[in-house]
């Protein structure tokens, strides 16, 4: 079979990385390339992926710009060249992250206005009033600036595998570290355990503390002043919020074991 005129494997690695939704698995990229060049073996494709990865143990030494960045075990995103014009990371003692959730606008809008649920709107308003840097967490896009324009999407972390969530957490922490100095900062995550748990270890490695406020805390503060602790075993809003948080954490821990079929052994 003549290969004249066919794209090279390196070109296909670049095209596949630009096409597949991030973060993508090594297996997904191999399958994408093999479907377009079935004449090339998996071992050869794997070698090209290794050479194209900026933080691989043995990256390409030919002088070509890297194409991939490994963000988890067998999981990648496209490599972005560090910009010489990017402003230095901001210094802030507290950063607010708001998980995307609920009904959305019908079309592309700045992500600060995309989600219409009461919880998202209250968290957004409080983040603006706080004066702290704030961002939106997206299961599909990672970390978003409030004015980033995004179309509605249906990807959720709650339905994702443990491998995906782990890679997503590494990806978001890396994105956040480009914008804010994380050493010594407190990162406040609103949106529940699904968003907070994948970020806990990546942020800790970067010197940041993760804070997960009780569900409903901001709503209480916005309407009634600072929330007061209820009596032991009480039935007030703080007690209901604590029960909800415990329920979320229990369900999250139940999902921690990789589901059958997850390829956690890929490197």
C-alpha atoms as a PDB file:
ATOM      1  CA  UNK A   1       0.000   0.000   0.000  1.00  0.00           C
ATOM      2  CA  UNK A   2       1.404   3.374  -1.034  1.00  0.00           C
ATOM      3  CA  UNK A   3       1.542   5.976   1.694  1.00  0.00           C
ATOM      4  CA  UNK A   4       2.194   8.849  -0.701  1.00  0.00           C
ATOM      5  CA  UNK A   5      -0.042  11.769   0.131  1.00  0.00           C
ATOM      6  CA  UNK A   6      -1.139  10.314   3.472  1.00  0.00           C
ATOM      7  CA  UNK A   7      -0.631  12.386   6.626  1.00  0.00           C
ATOM      8  CA  UNK A   8       2.314  11.416   8.793  1.00  0.00           C
ATOM      9  CA  UNK A   9       1.725   9.952  12.242  1.00  0.00           C
ATOM     10  CA  UNK A  10       3.102  13.120  13.804  1.00  0.00           C
ATOM     11  CA  UNK A  11       0.578  15.171  11.831  1.00  0.00           C
ATOM     12  CA  UNK A  12      -2.206  12.851  12.950  1.00  0.00           C
ATOM     13  CA  UNK A  13      -1.154  13.145  16.592  1.00  0.00           C
ATOM     14  CA  UNK A  14      -1.474  16.921  16.232  1.00  0.00           C
ATOM     15  CA  UNK A  15      -4.838  16.671  14.455  1.00  0.00           C
ATOM     16  CA  UNK A  16      -6.208  14.110  16.912  1.00  0.00           C
ATOM     17  CA  UNK A  17      -5.173  16.222  19.901  1.00  0.00           C
ATOM     18  CA  UNK A  18      -6.921  19.230  18.351  1.00  0.00           C
ATOM     19  CA  UNK A  19     -10.080  17.204  17.633  1.00  0.00           C
ATOM     20  CA  UNK A  20     -10.674  15.029  20.703  1.00  0.00           C
ATOM     21  CA  UNK A  21     -12.378  16.661  23.719  1.00  0.00           C
ATOM     22  CA  UNK A  22      -9.957  17.321  26.556  1.00  0.00           C
ATOM     23  CA  UNK A  23      -8.748  15.606  28.588  1.00  0.00           C
ATOM     24  CA  UNK A  24      -8.493  12.554  26.307  1.00  0.00           C
ATOM     25  CA  UNK A  25      -7.057   9.121  26.939  1.00  0.00           C
ATOM     26  CA  UNK A  26      -4.043   7.568  25.246  1.00  0.00           C
ATOM     27  CA  UNK A  27      -6.305   4.768  23.983  1.00  0.00           C
ATOM     28  CA  UNK A  28      -8.728   7.272  22.423  1.00  0.00           C
ATOM     29  CA  UNK A  29      -5.900   9.041  20.595  1.00  0.00           C
ATOM     30  CA  UNK A  30      -4.406   5.748  19.367  1.00  0.00           C
ATOM     31  CA  UNK A  31      -7.802   4.609  18.079  1.00  0.00           C
ATOM     32  CA  UNK A  32      -8.391   7.951  16.368  1.00  0.00           C
ATOM     33  CA  UNK A  33      -5.042   7.765  14.555  1.00  0.00           C
ATOM     34  CA  UNK A  34      -5.306   4.055  13.711  1.00  0.00           C
ATOM     35  CA  UNK A  35      -8.704   4.634  12.087  1.00  0.00           C
ATOM     36  CA  UNK A  36      -7.013   7.041   9.661  1.00  0.00           C
ATOM     37  CA  UNK A  37      -3.784   5.094   9.157  1.00  0.00           C
ATOM     38  CA  UNK A  38      -4.656   1.402   9.640  1.00  0.00           C
ATOM     39  CA  UNK A  39      -1.373   0.522   7.948  1.00  0.00           C
ATOM     40  CA  UNK A  40       0.563   1.762  11.002  1.00  0.00           C
ATOM     41  CA  UNK A  41       0.894  -0.471  14.054  1.00  0.00           C
ATOM     42  CA  UNK A  42      -0.166   0.519  17.537  1.00  0.00           C
ATOM     43  CA  UNK A  43       3.426   0.310  18.792  1.00  0.00           C
ATOM     44  CA  UNK A  44       4.551   2.913  16.256  1.00  0.00           C
ATOM     45  CA  UNK A  45       1.668   5.217  17.158  1.00  0.00           C
ATOM     46  CA  UNK A  46       2.501   4.826  20.859  1.00  0.00           C
ATOM     47  CA  UNK A  47       6.107   5.806  20.170  1.00  0.00           C
ATOM     48  CA  UNK A  48       4.989   8.958  18.386  1.00  0.00           C
ATOM     49  CA  UNK A  49       2.707   9.873  21.300  1.00  0.00           C
ATOM     50  CA  UNK A  50       5.601   9.409  23.706  1.00  0.00           C
ATOM     51  CA  UNK A  51       7.839  11.610  21.577  1.00  0.00           C
ATOM     52  CA  UNK A  52       5.145  14.262  21.207  1.00  0.00           C
ATOM     53  CA  UNK A  53       4.549  14.592  24.964  1.00  0.00           C
ATOM     54  CA  UNK A  54       6.330  17.527  26.599  1.00  0.00           C
ATOM     55  CA  UNK A  55       6.604  15.942  30.055  1.00  0.00           C
ATOM     56  CA  UNK A  56       7.293  12.367  28.949  1.00  0.00           C
ATOM     57  CA  UNK A  57      10.320  10.489  30.244  1.00  0.00           C
ATOM     58  CA  UNK A  58      11.846  10.390  26.746  1.00  0.00           C
ATOM     59  CA  UNK A  59      10.344  13.201  24.627  1.00  0.00           C
ATOM     60  CA  UNK A  60      11.320  13.908  21.020  1.00  0.00           C
ATOM     61  CA  UNK A  61      14.824  15.336  20.644  1.00  0.00           C
ATOM     62  CA  UNK A  62      14.518  16.451  17.002  1.00  0.00           C
ATOM     63  CA  UNK A  63      13.650  20.023  17.888  1.00  0.00           C
ATOM     64  CA  UNK A  64       9.976  19.736  16.967  1.00  0.00           C
ATOM     65  CA  UNK A  65       7.561  21.549  19.280  1.00  0.00           C
ATOM     66  CA  UNK A  66       5.699  19.146  21.611  1.00  0.00           C
ATOM     67  CA  UNK A  67       2.065  18.368  20.879  1.00  0.00           C
ATOM     68  CA  UNK A  68       0.779  16.849  24.122  1.00  0.00           C
ATOM     69  CA  UNK A  69       0.910  17.346  27.866  1.00  0.00           C
ATOM     70  CA  UNK A  70       0.292  14.375  30.163  1.00  0.00           C
ATOM     71  CA  UNK A  71      -2.065  15.369  32.990  1.00  0.00           C
ATOM     72  CA  UNK A  72      -2.812  11.951  34.481  1.00  0.00           C
ATOM     73  CA  UNK A  73      -2.169   8.269  34.069  1.00  0.00           C
ATOM     74  CA  UNK A  74      -2.774   7.637  30.359  1.00  0.00           C
ATOM     75  CA  UNK A  75      -4.542  11.000  30.000  1.00  0.00           C
ATOM     76  CA  UNK A  76      -3.511  14.048  27.963  1.00  0.00           C
ATOM     77  CA  UNK A  77      -4.405  17.555  26.837  1.00  0.00           C
ATOM     78  CA  UNK A  78      -3.006  19.604  23.986  1.00  0.00           C
ATOM     79  CA  UNK A  79       0.323  21.260  24.724  1.00  0.00           C
ATOM     80  CA  UNK A  80       0.134  25.043  25.025  1.00  0.00           C
ATOM     81  CA  UNK A  81       3.315  27.000  24.508  1.00  0.00           C
ATOM     82  CA  UNK A  82       3.892  29.232  27.550  1.00  0.00           C
ATOM     83  CA  UNK A  83       3.163  32.767  26.443  1.00  0.00           C
ATOM     84  CA  UNK A  84       5.852  35.377  26.934  1.00  0.00           C
ATOM     85  CA  UNK A  85       3.043  37.934  27.077  1.00  0.00           C
ATOM     86  CA  UNK A  86       1.016  36.197  29.772  1.00  0.00           C
ATOM     87  CA  UNK A  87       0.805  38.402  32.879  1.00  0.00           C
ATOM     88  CA  UNK A  88       2.374  36.993  36.025  1.00  0.00           C
ATOM     89  CA  UNK A  89       0.107  34.932  38.241  1.00  0.00           C
ATOM     90  CA  UNK A  90      -1.924  37.096  40.580  1.00  0.00           C
ATOM     91  CA  UNK A  91      -1.304  37.008  44.323  1.00  0.00           C
ATOM     92  CA  UNK A  92      -4.469  36.332  46.315  1.00  0.00           C
ATOM     93  CA  UNK A  93      -5.084  34.810  49.725  1.00  0.00           C
ATOM     94  CA  UNK A  94      -8.429  33.373  48.586  1.00  0.00           C
ATOM     95  CA  UNK A  95      -9.718  32.150  45.213  1.00  0.00           C
ATOM     96  CA  UNK A  96     -13.329  31.211  44.499  1.00  0.00           C
ATOM     97  CA  UNK A  97     -14.265  28.409  42.085  1.00  0.00           C
ATOM     98  CA  UNK A  98     -17.916  27.869  41.142  1.00  0.00           C
ATOM     99  CA  UNK A  99     -19.007  24.567  39.658  1.00  0.00           C
ATOM    100  CA  UNK A 100     -21.194  24.769  36.555  1.00  0.00           C
ATOM    101  CA  UNK A 101     -24.669  23.359  37.092  1.00  0.00           C
ATOM    102  CA  UNK A 102     -28.346  23.756  36.308  1.00  0.00           C
ATOM    103  CA  UNK A 103     -30.347  25.248  33.467  1.00  0.00           C
ATOM    104  CA  UNK A 104     -28.338  27.115  30.849  1.00  0.00           C
ATOM    105  CA  UNK A 105     -28.839  29.970  28.427  1.00  0.00           C
ATOM    106  CA  UNK A 106     -30.009  28.800  24.977  1.00  0.00           C
ATOM    107  CA  UNK A 107     -26.820  29.777  23.155  1.00  0.00           C
ATOM    108  CA  UNK A 108     -23.182  30.857  23.567  1.00  0.00           C
ATOM    109  CA  UNK A 109     -22.694  33.556  26.218  1.00  0.00           C
ATOM    110  CA  UNK A 110     -19.981  34.465  28.752  1.00  0.00           C
ATOM    111  CA  UNK A 111     -19.830  31.552  31.172  1.00  0.00           C
ATOM    112  CA  UNK A 112     -20.683  33.848  34.093  1.00  0.00           C
ATOM    113  CA  UNK A 113     -24.143  34.172  32.507  1.00  0.00           C
ATOM    114  CA  UNK A 114     -24.475  30.667  31.049  1.00  0.00           C
ATOM    115  CA  UNK A 115     -25.830  28.869  34.111  1.00  0.00           C
ATOM    116  CA  UNK A 116     -29.191  29.977  35.506  1.00  0.00           C
ATOM    117  CA  UNK A 117     -29.670  27.859  38.651  1.00  0.00           C
ATOM    118  CA  UNK A 118     -30.307  29.733  41.903  1.00  0.00           C
ATOM    119  CA  UNK A 119     -27.223  28.199  43.510  1.00  0.00           C
ATOM    120  CA  UNK A 120     -24.896  29.269  40.684  1.00  0.00           C
ATOM    121  CA  UNK A 121     -26.339  32.781  40.533  1.00  0.00           C
ATOM    122  CA  UNK A 122     -26.006  33.295  44.320  1.00  0.00           C
ATOM    123  CA  UNK A 123     -22.444  31.950  44.310  1.00  0.00           C
ATOM    124  CA  UNK A 124     -21.535  34.211  41.394  1.00  0.00           C
ATOM    125  CA  UNK A 125     -22.985  37.289  43.095  1.00  0.00           C
ATOM    126  CA  UNK A 126     -21.162  36.531  46.344  1.00  0.00           C
ATOM    127  CA  UNK A 127     -17.890  35.903  44.484  1.00  0.00           C
ATOM    128  CA  UNK A 128     -18.179  39.279  42.773  1.00  0.00           C
ATOM    129  CA  UNK A 129     -18.905  41.021  46.090  1.00  0.00           C
ATOM    130  CA  UNK A 130     -15.984  39.266  47.797  1.00  0.00           C
ATOM    131  CA  UNK A 131     -13.422  40.920  45.544  1.00  0.00           C
ATOM    132  CA  UNK A 132     -11.457  37.642  45.296  1.00  0.00           C
ATOM    133  CA  UNK A 133     -10.414  36.213  41.930  1.00  0.00           C
ATOM    134  CA  UNK A 134     -13.088  33.783  40.793  1.00  0.00           C
ATOM    135  CA  UNK A 135     -13.504  31.240  38.020  1.00  0.00           C
ATOM    136  CA  UNK A 136     -16.029  28.728  36.762  1.00  0.00           C
ATOM    137  CA  UNK A 137     -15.356  24.992  36.848  1.00  0.00           C
ATOM    138  CA  UNK A 138     -16.470  23.066  33.768  1.00  0.00           C
ATOM    139  CA  UNK A 139     -16.445  19.294  33.328  1.00  0.00           C
ATOM    140  CA  UNK A 140     -15.842  19.875  29.613  1.00  0.00           C
ATOM    141  CA  UNK A 141     -13.572  22.926  29.508  1.00  0.00           C
ATOM    142  CA  UNK A 142     -11.709  22.753  32.818  1.00  0.00           C
ATOM    143  CA  UNK A 143     -11.171  26.221  34.305  1.00  0.00           C
ATOM    144  CA  UNK A 144     -12.954  29.172  32.689  1.00  0.00           C
ATOM    145  CA  UNK A 145     -12.628  32.927  33.166  1.00  0.00           C
ATOM    146  CA  UNK A 146     -16.017  34.541  33.877  1.00  0.00           C
ATOM    147  CA  UNK A 147     -16.016  36.300  30.483  1.00  0.00           C
ATOM    148  CA  UNK A 148     -15.034  33.233  28.421  1.00  0.00           C
ATOM    149  CA  UNK A 149     -17.802  32.630  25.883  1.00  0.00           C
ATOM    150  CA  UNK A 150     -19.098  29.040  26.004  1.00  0.00           C
ATOM    151  CA  UNK A 151     -21.974  27.209  24.347  1.00  0.00           C
ATOM    152  CA  UNK A 152     -24.315  24.995  26.406  1.00  0.00           C
ATOM    153  CA  UNK A 153     -23.009  21.448  26.924  1.00  0.00           C
ATOM    154  CA  UNK A 154     -24.109  18.282  28.689  1.00  0.00           C
ATOM    155  CA  UNK A 155     -20.876  16.880  30.144  1.00  0.00           C
ATOM    156  CA  UNK A 156     -20.965  16.291  33.922  1.00  0.00           C
ATOM    157  CA  UNK A 157     -18.322  15.096  36.378  1.00  0.00           C
ATOM    158  CA  UNK A 158     -20.828  13.007  38.292  1.00  0.00           C
ATOM    159  CA  UNK A 159     -21.091  10.545  35.397  1.00  0.00           C
ATOM    160  CA  UNK A 160     -17.349  10.471  34.644  1.00  0.00           C
ATOM    161  CA  UNK A 161     -14.934   7.685  35.533  1.00  0.00           C
ATOM    162  CA  UNK A 162     -12.410   7.958  38.341  1.00  0.00           C
ATOM    163  CA  UNK A 163      -9.605   8.199  35.755  1.00  0.00           C
ATOM    164  CA  UNK A 164     -11.298  11.123  33.998  1.00  0.00           C
ATOM    165  CA  UNK A 165     -11.995  12.966  37.254  1.00  0.00           C
ATOM    166  CA  UNK A 166      -8.405  12.526  38.414  1.00  0.00           C
ATOM    167  CA  UNK A 167      -7.055  13.883  35.107  1.00  0.00           C
ATOM    168  CA  UNK A 168      -9.570  16.730  35.205  1.00  0.00           C
ATOM    169  CA  UNK A 169      -8.370  17.745  38.669  1.00  0.00           C
ATOM    170  CA  UNK A 170      -4.737  17.868  37.544  1.00  0.00           C
ATOM    171  CA  UNK A 171      -5.715  19.862  34.466  1.00  0.00           C
ATOM    172  CA  UNK A 172      -7.730  22.442  36.395  1.00  0.00           C
ATOM    173  CA  UNK A 173      -5.053  22.859  39.078  1.00  0.00           C
ATOM    174  CA  UNK A 174      -2.460  23.498  36.341  1.00  0.00           C
ATOM    175  CA  UNK A 175      -4.753  26.047  34.685  1.00  0.00           C
ATOM    176  CA  UNK A 176      -5.411  27.784  38.000  1.00  0.00           C
ATOM    177  CA  UNK A 177      -1.706  27.876  38.815  1.00  0.00           C
ATOM    178  CA  UNK A 178      -1.099  29.873  35.621  1.00  0.00           C
ATOM    179  CA  UNK A 179      -3.504  32.565  36.822  1.00  0.00           C
ATOM    180  CA  UNK A 180      -3.057  32.685  40.595  1.00  0.00           C
ATOM    181  CA  UNK A 181      -0.119  31.947  42.883  1.00  0.00           C
ATOM    182  CA  UNK A 182      -1.379  28.904  44.724  1.00  0.00           C
ATOM    183  CA  UNK A 183       1.284  28.611  47.399  1.00  0.00           C
ATOM    184  CA  UNK A 184      -0.400  29.645  50.650  1.00  0.00           C
ATOM    185  CA  UNK A 185      -3.766  30.410  49.022  1.00  0.00           C
ATOM    186  CA  UNK A 186      -7.170  29.078  50.071  1.00  0.00           C
ATOM    187  CA  UNK A 187      -9.268  27.797  47.182  1.00  0.00           C
ATOM    188  CA  UNK A 188     -12.983  27.917  47.968  1.00  0.00           C
ATOM    189  CA  UNK A 189     -14.989  25.489  45.821  1.00  0.00           C
ATOM    190  CA  UNK A 190     -18.747  25.866  45.397  1.00  0.00           C
ATOM    191  CA  UNK A 191     -20.676  23.180  43.563  1.00  0.00           C
ATOM    192  CA  UNK A 192     -20.277  20.079  45.696  1.00  0.00           C
ATOM    193  CA  UNK A 193     -17.920  17.187  46.244  1.00  0.00           C
ATOM    194  CA  UNK A 194     -17.875  16.154  42.573  1.00  0.00           C
ATOM    195  CA  UNK A 195     -15.934  19.331  41.769  1.00  0.00           C
ATOM    196  CA  UNK A 196     -13.943  19.600  44.990  1.00  0.00           C
ATOM    197  CA  UNK A 197     -12.587  16.070  45.475  1.00  0.00           C
ATOM    198  CA  UNK A 198     -10.551  15.795  42.211  1.00  0.00           C
ATOM    199  CA  UNK A 199      -8.873  19.105  43.091  1.00  0.00           C
ATOM    200  CA  UNK A 200      -7.870  18.298  46.675  1.00  0.00           C
ATOM    201  CA  UNK A 201      -4.557  16.537  46.063  1.00  0.00           C
ATOM    202  CA  UNK A 202      -3.424  18.573  43.006  1.00  0.00           C
ATOM    203  CA  UNK A 203      -3.976  21.802  44.948  1.00  0.00           C
ATOM    204  CA  UNK A 204      -2.268  20.442  48.072  1.00  0.00           C
ATOM    205  CA  UNK A 205       0.833  19.594  46.035  1.00  0.00           C
ATOM    206  CA  UNK A 206       0.921  23.214  44.908  1.00  0.00           C
ATOM    207  CA  UNK A 207       0.689  24.531  48.466  1.00  0.00           C
ATOM    208  CA  UNK A 208      -2.979  25.552  48.402  1.00  0.00           C
ATOM    209  CA  UNK A 209      -5.707  24.631  50.881  1.00  0.00           C
ATOM    210  CA  UNK A 210      -9.109  23.570  49.583  1.00  0.00           C
ATOM    211  CA  UNK A 211     -12.235  24.777  51.369  1.00  0.00           C
ATOM    212  CA  UNK A 212     -15.656  23.287  50.675  1.00  0.00           C
ATOM    213  CA  UNK A 213     -18.366  25.488  52.247  1.00  0.00           C
ATOM    214  CA  UNK A 214     -21.517  23.821  53.481  1.00  0.00           C
ATOM    215  CA  UNK A 215     -24.286  23.819  50.877  1.00  0.00           C
ATOM    216  CA  UNK A 216     -26.579  26.767  51.496  1.00  0.00           C
ATOM    217  CA  UNK A 217     -24.019  28.789  53.487  1.00  0.00           C
ATOM    218  CA  UNK A 218     -23.945  31.662  51.000  1.00  0.00           C
ATOM    219  CA  UNK A 219     -27.708  31.666  50.627  1.00  0.00           C
ATOM    220  CA  UNK A 220     -28.062  32.092  54.411  1.00  0.00           C
ATOM    221  CA  UNK A 221     -25.436  34.824  54.505  1.00  0.00           C
ATOM    222  CA  UNK A 222     -27.032  36.690  51.607  1.00  0.00           C
ATOM    223  CA  UNK A 223     -30.456  36.853  53.260  1.00  0.00           C
ATOM    224  CA  UNK A 224     -30.114  36.532  57.030  1.00  0.00           C
ATOM    225  CA  UNK A 225     -26.587  37.580  57.915  1.00  0.00           C
ATOM    226  CA  UNK A 226     -23.916  35.121  59.092  1.00  0.00           C
ATOM    227  CA  UNK A 227     -25.261  31.616  59.610  1.00  0.00           C
ATOM    228  CA  UNK A 228     -25.386  30.570  63.247  1.00  0.00           C
ATOM    229  CA  UNK A 229     -24.714  26.984  64.334  1.00  0.00           C
ATOM    230  CA  UNK A 230     -27.860  25.125  65.333  1.00  0.00           C
ATOM    231  CA  UNK A 231     -28.290  22.923  68.359  1.00  0.00           C
ATOM    232  CA  UNK A 232     -26.919  19.359  68.241  1.00  0.00           C
ATOM    233  CA  UNK A 233     -29.227  17.224  66.153  1.00  0.00           C
ATOM    234  CA  UNK A 234     -31.207  20.333  65.179  1.00  0.00           C
ATOM    235  CA  UNK A 235     -33.323  20.645  62.074  1.00  0.00           C
ATOM    236  CA  UNK A 236     -32.346  24.159  60.997  1.00  0.00           C
ATOM    237  CA  UNK A 237     -30.602  25.132  57.741  1.00  0.00           C
ATOM    238  CA  UNK A 238     -27.067  24.393  59.038  1.00  0.00           C
ATOM    239  CA  UNK A 239     -28.109  20.884  60.113  1.00  0.00           C
ATOM    240  CA  UNK A 240     -29.789  20.225  56.765  1.00  0.00           C
ATOM    241  CA  UNK A 241     -26.707  21.514  54.936  1.00  0.00           C
ATOM    242  CA  UNK A 242     -24.432  19.251  56.972  1.00  0.00           C
ATOM    243  CA  UNK A 243     -26.637  16.250  56.246  1.00  0.00           C
ATOM    244  CA  UNK A 244     -26.578  17.075  52.551  1.00  0.00           C
ATOM    245  CA  UNK A 245     -22.790  17.364  52.561  1.00  0.00           C
ATOM    246  CA  UNK A 246     -22.406  14.003  54.301  1.00  0.00           C
ATOM    247  CA  UNK A 247     -24.727  12.422  51.752  1.00  0.00           C
ATOM    248  CA  UNK A 248     -22.714  13.889  48.863  1.00  0.00           C
ATOM    249  CA  UNK A 249     -19.438  12.659  50.337  1.00  0.00           C
ATOM    250  CA  UNK A 250     -20.834   9.159  50.887  1.00  0.00           C
ATOM    251  CA  UNK A 251     -22.032   8.919  47.305  1.00  0.00           C
ATOM    252  CA  UNK A 252     -18.711  10.254  46.037  1.00  0.00           C
ATOM    253  CA  UNK A 253     -16.721   7.671  48.012  1.00  0.00           C
ATOM    254  CA  UNK A 254     -18.920   4.932  46.575  1.00  0.00           C
ATOM    255  CA  UNK A 255     -17.788   5.977  43.117  1.00  0.00           C
ATOM    256  CA  UNK A 256     -14.094   6.066  43.980  1.00  0.00           C
ATOM    257  CA  UNK A 257     -13.414   2.475  42.880  1.00  0.00           C
ATOM    258  CA  UNK A 258     -12.738   2.504  39.114  1.00  0.00           C
ATOM    259  CA  UNK A 259     -15.688   1.023  37.236  1.00  0.00           C
ATOM    260  CA  UNK A 260     -15.092  -2.184  35.247  1.00  0.00           C
ATOM    261  CA  UNK A 261     -13.425  -1.454  31.957  1.00  0.00           C
ATOM    262  CA  UNK A 262     -11.455   1.630  33.085  1.00  0.00           C
ATOM    263  CA  UNK A 263      -7.954   1.415  31.649  1.00  0.00           C
ATOM    264  CA  UNK A 264      -6.052   2.612  34.702  1.00  0.00           C
ATOM    265  CA  UNK A 265      -2.937   0.707  33.697  1.00  0.00           C
ATOM    266  CA  UNK A 266      -2.172   2.742  30.547  1.00  0.00           C
ATOM    267  CA  UNK A 267       0.838   4.982  30.859  1.00  0.00           C
END
